[in-house]
Amino acid sequence: MIDVNFKEVIALLNKGYSLADIAGLTSEHLEALYALAYQYYQVGSYTEAKNIFSALCLYDCHEIKFFMGLGASLQALGEYQKAADTYSVACTLSGLVDTKSMYFAAICLLKINKKDEAIAALEAIAHMGQEHNAQDEQYKLKALNLLSVIKG
């Protein structure tokens, strides 16, 4: 662990260091925490998963899968607005390319009756994704199908 004071922490963050770097956590530590959070999620311990994913998002705020895990945990706990916001962060981190995160954000928005925002998110998916990416194509199709149901 790097021994620093608050001003030094800010200076290091401004230089591109993550909190994980400053705390001395390696990528192996973060992956182990991610695996633990994922296991908690898989067995339905969503609060524990949420807590670990939240810490991971703080330690490395550039890792999309940490935000996706946090979003999924929040969604499972019924915290739909927070989940939609978290999925939106994941989408933004992807450079507005990740169709999966936008799709799940739309699902959460529908759960809290934000139909117009959900429609906008679903419509945006058509312009996202990577060419010839099967997962992106799958979520584009899901979005189109959901849009047709919503718009009736």
C-alpha atoms as a PDB file:
ATOM      1  CA  MET A   1       0.000   0.000   0.000  1.00  0.00           C
ATOM      2  CA  ILE A   2       1.228   3.466  -0.866  1.00  0.00           C
ATOM      3  CA  ASP A   3       1.522   5.700   2.220  1.00  0.00           C
ATOM      4  CA  VAL A   4      -0.105   9.018   1.262  1.00  0.00           C
ATOM      5  CA  ASN A   5      -2.152  11.858   2.698  1.00  0.00           C
ATOM      6  CA  PHE A   6      -5.370  13.250   1.242  1.00  0.00           C
ATOM      7  CA  LYS A   7      -3.682  15.815  -1.028  1.00  0.00           C
ATOM      8  CA  GLU A   8      -1.368  13.138  -2.342  1.00  0.00           C
ATOM      9  CA  VAL A   9      -4.347  10.865  -3.028  1.00  0.00           C
ATOM     10  CA  ILE A  10      -6.010  13.594  -5.083  1.00  0.00           C
ATOM     11  CA  ALA A  11      -2.773  14.208  -6.982  1.00  0.00           C
ATOM     12  CA  LEU A  12      -2.422  10.485  -7.729  1.00  0.00           C
ATOM     13  CA  LEU A  13      -6.050  10.257  -8.873  1.00  0.00           C
ATOM     14  CA  ASN A  14      -5.450  13.221 -11.169  1.00  0.00           C
ATOM     15  CA  LYS A  15      -2.478  11.359 -12.639  1.00  0.00           C
ATOM     16  CA  GLY A  16      -4.724   8.416 -13.535  1.00  0.00           C
ATOM     17  CA  TYR A  17      -4.169   6.126 -10.567  1.00  0.00           C
ATOM     18  CA  SER A  18      -7.207   4.235  -9.291  1.00  0.00           C
ATOM     19  CA  LEU A  19      -8.124   3.831  -5.636  1.00  0.00           C
ATOM     20  CA  ALA A  20      -7.100   0.194  -6.033  1.00  0.00           C
ATOM     21  CA  ASP A  21      -3.619   1.337  -7.074  1.00  0.00           C
ATOM     22  CA  ILE A  22      -3.403   3.662  -4.104  1.00  0.00           C
ATOM     23  CA  ALA A  23      -4.687   0.992  -1.709  1.00  0.00           C
ATOM     24  CA  GLY A  24      -2.226  -1.532  -3.104  1.00  0.00           C
ATOM     25  CA  LEU A  25      -4.865  -3.855  -4.526  1.00  0.00           C
ATOM     26  CA  THR A  26      -3.723  -5.837  -7.534  1.00  0.00           C
ATOM     27  CA  SER A  27      -5.895  -6.940 -10.437  1.00  0.00           C
ATOM     28  CA  GLU A  28      -5.831 -10.405  -8.837  1.00  0.00           C
ATOM     29  CA  HIS A  29      -7.334  -8.970  -5.636  1.00  0.00           C
ATOM     30  CA  LEU A  30     -10.057  -7.225  -7.634  1.00  0.00           C
ATOM     31  CA  GLU A  31     -10.817 -10.378  -9.626  1.00  0.00           C
ATOM     32  CA  ALA A  32     -11.079 -12.393  -6.403  1.00  0.00           C
ATOM     33  CA  LEU A  33     -13.525  -9.835  -4.991  1.00  0.00           C
ATOM     34  CA  TYR A  34     -15.467  -9.899  -8.257  1.00  0.00           C
ATOM     35  CA  ALA A  35     -15.693 -13.696  -8.100  1.00  0.00           C
ATOM     36  CA  LEU A  36     -16.949 -13.505  -4.526  1.00  0.00           C
ATOM     37  CA  ALA A  37     -19.558 -10.877  -5.407  1.00  0.00           C
ATOM     38  CA  TYR A  38     -20.658 -12.939  -8.394  1.00  0.00           C
ATOM     39  CA  GLN A  39     -21.030 -16.023  -6.176  1.00  0.00           C
ATOM     40  CA  TYR A  40     -23.145 -14.049  -3.719  1.00  0.00           C
ATOM     41  CA  TYR A  41     -25.298 -12.859  -6.613  1.00  0.00           C
ATOM     42  CA  GLN A  42     -25.684 -16.392  -8.005  1.00  0.00           C
ATOM     43  CA  VAL A  43     -26.998 -17.726  -4.684  1.00  0.00           C
ATOM     44  CA  GLY A  44     -29.399 -14.819  -4.170  1.00  0.00           C
ATOM     45  CA  SER A  45     -27.406 -12.920  -1.538  1.00  0.00           C
ATOM     46  CA  TYR A  46     -28.002  -9.665  -3.383  1.00  0.00           C
ATOM     47  CA  THR A  47     -27.188  -7.296  -0.528  1.00  0.00           C
ATOM     48  CA  GLU A  48     -23.775  -8.882  -0.013  1.00  0.00           C
ATOM     49  CA  ALA A  49     -23.170  -8.842  -3.770  1.00  0.00           C
ATOM     50  CA  LYS A  50     -24.233  -5.188  -3.939  1.00  0.00           C
ATOM     51  CA  ASN A  51     -21.834  -4.229  -1.170  1.00  0.00           C
ATOM     52  CA  ILE A  52     -18.848  -5.891  -2.814  1.00  0.00           C
ATOM     53  CA  PHE A  53     -19.714  -4.617  -6.306  1.00  0.00           C
ATOM     54  CA  SER A  54     -20.071  -1.095  -4.836  1.00  0.00           C
ATOM     55  CA  ALA A  55     -16.575  -1.326  -3.382  1.00  0.00           C
ATOM     56  CA  LEU A  56     -15.221  -2.646  -6.672  1.00  0.00           C
ATOM     57  CA  CYS A  57     -16.762   0.296  -8.546  1.00  0.00           C
ATOM     58  CA  LEU A  58     -14.974   2.669  -6.176  1.00  0.00           C
ATOM     59  CA  TYR A  59     -11.671   0.837  -6.419  1.00  0.00           C
ATOM     60  CA  ASP A  60     -11.732   0.759 -10.227  1.00  0.00           C
ATOM     61  CA  CYS A  61     -14.268   3.119 -11.740  1.00  0.00           C
ATOM     62  CA  HIS A  62     -13.345   2.123 -15.299  1.00  0.00           C
ATOM     63  CA  GLU A  63     -14.307  -1.556 -15.176  1.00  0.00           C
ATOM     64  CA  ILE A  64     -17.675  -2.087 -16.873  1.00  0.00           C
ATOM     65  CA  LYS A  65     -18.315  -5.531 -15.391  1.00  0.00           C
ATOM     66  CA  PHE A  66     -18.176  -4.104 -11.857  1.00  0.00           C
ATOM     67  CA  PHE A  67     -20.961  -1.660 -12.726  1.00  0.00           C
ATOM     68  CA  MET A  68     -22.949  -4.388 -14.481  1.00  0.00           C
ATOM     69  CA  GLY A  69     -22.718  -6.543 -11.349  1.00  0.00           C
ATOM     70  CA  LEU A  70     -23.783  -3.652  -9.158  1.00  0.00           C
ATOM     71  CA  GLY A  71     -26.674  -2.853 -11.497  1.00  0.00           C
ATOM     72  CA  ALA A  72     -27.837  -6.468 -11.497  1.00  0.00           C
ATOM     73  CA  SER A  73     -27.674  -6.619  -7.695  1.00  0.00           C
ATOM     74  CA  LEU A  74     -29.640  -3.393  -7.339  1.00  0.00           C
ATOM     75  CA  GLN A  75     -32.195  -4.639  -9.871  1.00  0.00           C
ATOM     76  CA  ALA A  76     -32.601  -7.907  -7.947  1.00  0.00           C
ATOM     77  CA  LEU A  77     -33.165  -5.888  -4.766  1.00  0.00           C
ATOM     78  CA  GLY A  78     -35.902  -3.847  -6.471  1.00  0.00           C
ATOM     79  CA  GLU A  79     -33.843  -0.643  -6.450  1.00  0.00           C
ATOM     80  CA  TYR A  80     -34.765   0.043 -10.055  1.00  0.00           C
ATOM     81  CA  GLN A  81     -33.804   3.720 -10.365  1.00  0.00           C
ATOM     82  CA  LYS A  82     -30.369   3.088  -8.874  1.00  0.00           C
ATOM     83  CA  ALA A  83     -29.995   0.024 -11.101  1.00  0.00           C
ATOM     84  CA  ALA A  84     -30.947   2.015 -14.223  1.00  0.00           C
ATOM     85  CA  ASP A  85     -28.456   4.727 -13.271  1.00  0.00           C
ATOM     86  CA  THR A  86     -25.725   2.147 -12.671  1.00  0.00           C
ATOM     87  CA  TYR A  87     -26.389   0.388 -15.978  1.00  0.00           C
ATOM     88  CA  SER A  88     -26.199   3.817 -17.627  1.00  0.00           C
ATOM     89  CA  VAL A  89     -22.754   4.362 -16.112  1.00  0.00           C
ATOM     90  CA  ALA A  90     -21.660   1.008 -17.555  1.00  0.00           C
ATOM     91  CA  CYS A  91     -22.995   2.044 -20.944  1.00  0.00           C
ATOM     92  CA  THR A  92     -21.178   5.378 -20.754  1.00  0.00           C
ATOM     93  CA  LEU A  93     -17.932   3.621 -19.805  1.00  0.00           C
ATOM     94  CA  SER A  94     -18.318   1.513 -22.953  1.00  0.00           C
ATOM     95  CA  GLY A  95     -18.375   4.667 -25.055  1.00  0.00           C
ATOM     96  CA  LEU A  96     -22.140   4.246 -25.533  1.00  0.00           C
ATOM     97  CA  VAL A  97     -21.535   0.980 -27.372  1.00  0.00           C
ATOM     98  CA  ASP A  98     -22.733  -1.653 -24.880  1.00  0.00           C
ATOM     99  CA  THR A  99     -26.261  -2.693 -25.879  1.00  0.00           C
ATOM    100  CA  LYS A 100     -26.705  -5.028 -22.906  1.00  0.00           C
ATOM    101  CA  SER A 101     -26.308  -2.317 -20.263  1.00  0.00           C
ATOM    102  CA  MET A 102     -28.708   0.009 -22.096  1.00  0.00           C
ATOM    103  CA  TYR A 103     -31.267  -2.781 -22.451  1.00  0.00           C
ATOM    104  CA  PHE A 104     -31.213  -3.539 -18.731  1.00  0.00           C
ATOM    105  CA  ALA A 105     -31.428   0.166 -17.925  1.00  0.00           C
ATOM    106  CA  ALA A 106     -34.596   0.286 -20.043  1.00  0.00           C
ATOM    107  CA  ILE A 107     -36.055  -2.729 -18.231  1.00  0.00           C
ATOM    108  CA  CYS A 108     -35.489  -1.009 -14.889  1.00  0.00           C
ATOM    109  CA  LEU A 109     -37.035   2.216 -16.155  1.00  0.00           C
ATOM    110  CA  LEU A 110     -40.130   0.294 -17.191  1.00  0.00           C
ATOM    111  CA  LYS A 111     -40.347  -1.203 -13.686  1.00  0.00           C
ATOM    112  CA  ILE A 112     -40.698   2.314 -12.237  1.00  0.00           C
ATOM    113  CA  ASN A 113     -43.139   3.493 -14.912  1.00  0.00           C
ATOM    114  CA  LYS A 114     -40.687   5.750 -16.736  1.00  0.00           C
ATOM    115  CA  LYS A 115     -42.031   4.616 -20.082  1.00  0.00           C
ATOM    116  CA  ASP A 116     -40.779   7.551 -22.164  1.00  0.00           C
ATOM    117  CA  GLU A 117     -37.232   7.206 -20.818  1.00  0.00           C
ATOM    118  CA  ALA A 118     -37.347   3.443 -21.392  1.00  0.00           C
ATOM    119  CA  ILE A 119     -38.508   3.945 -24.972  1.00  0.00           C
ATOM    120  CA  ALA A 120     -35.675   6.417 -25.590  1.00  0.00           C
ATOM    121  CA  ALA A 121     -33.166   3.917 -24.200  1.00  0.00           C
ATOM    122  CA  LEU A 122     -34.566   1.079 -26.304  1.00  0.00           C
ATOM    123  CA  GLU A 123     -34.548   3.225 -29.443  1.00  0.00           C
ATOM    124  CA  ALA A 124     -30.930   4.235 -28.787  1.00  0.00           C
ATOM    125  CA  ILE A 125     -29.872   0.572 -28.826  1.00  0.00           C
ATOM    126  CA  ALA A 126     -30.463   0.438 -32.600  1.00  0.00           C
ATOM    127  CA  HIS A 127     -27.543   2.882 -33.021  1.00  0.00           C
ATOM    128  CA  MET A 128     -25.220   1.115 -30.593  1.00  0.00           C
ATOM    129  CA  GLY A 129     -23.083  -1.978 -30.579  1.00  0.00           C
ATOM    130  CA  GLN A 130     -20.231  -3.357 -32.581  1.00  0.00           C
ATOM    131  CA  GLU A 131     -20.588  -4.590 -36.114  1.00  0.00           C
ATOM    132  CA  HIS A 132     -20.960  -8.370 -36.445  1.00  0.00           C
ATOM    133  CA  ASN A 133     -21.201  -8.848 -32.670  1.00  0.00           C
ATOM    134  CA  ALA A 134     -23.735 -11.597 -31.929  1.00  0.00           C
ATOM    135  CA  GLN A 135     -24.533 -10.362 -28.412  1.00  0.00           C
ATOM    136  CA  ASP A 136     -25.151  -6.827 -29.664  1.00  0.00           C
ATOM    137  CA  GLU A 137     -27.434  -8.144 -32.376  1.00  0.00           C
ATOM    138  CA  GLN A 138     -29.315 -10.193 -29.787  1.00  0.00           C
ATOM    139  CA  TYR A 139     -29.944  -7.140 -27.588  1.00  0.00           C
ATOM    140  CA  LYS A 140     -30.914  -5.029 -30.602  1.00  0.00           C
ATOM    141  CA  LEU A 141     -33.543  -7.626 -31.469  1.00  0.00           C
ATOM    142  CA  LYS A 142     -34.750  -7.800 -27.862  1.00  0.00           C
ATOM    143  CA  ALA A 143     -35.029  -4.005 -27.810  1.00  0.00           C
ATOM    144  CA  LEU A 144     -37.023  -3.952 -31.053  1.00  0.00           C
ATOM    145  CA  ASN A 145     -39.369  -6.650 -29.773  1.00  0.00           C
ATOM    146  CA  LEU A 146     -39.904  -4.852 -26.475  1.00  0.00           C
ATOM    147  CA  LEU A 147     -40.502  -1.573 -28.301  1.00  0.00           C
ATOM    148  CA  SER A 148     -43.199  -3.190 -30.435  1.00  0.00           C
ATOM    149  CA  VAL A 149     -44.916  -4.501 -27.295  1.00  0.00           C
ATOM    150  CA  ILE A 150     -44.710  -1.146 -25.481  1.00  0.00           C
ATOM    151  CA  LYS A 151     -45.913   0.879 -28.434  1.00  0.00           C
ATOM    152  CA  GLY A 152     -48.581  -1.754 -29.110  1.00  0.00           C
END
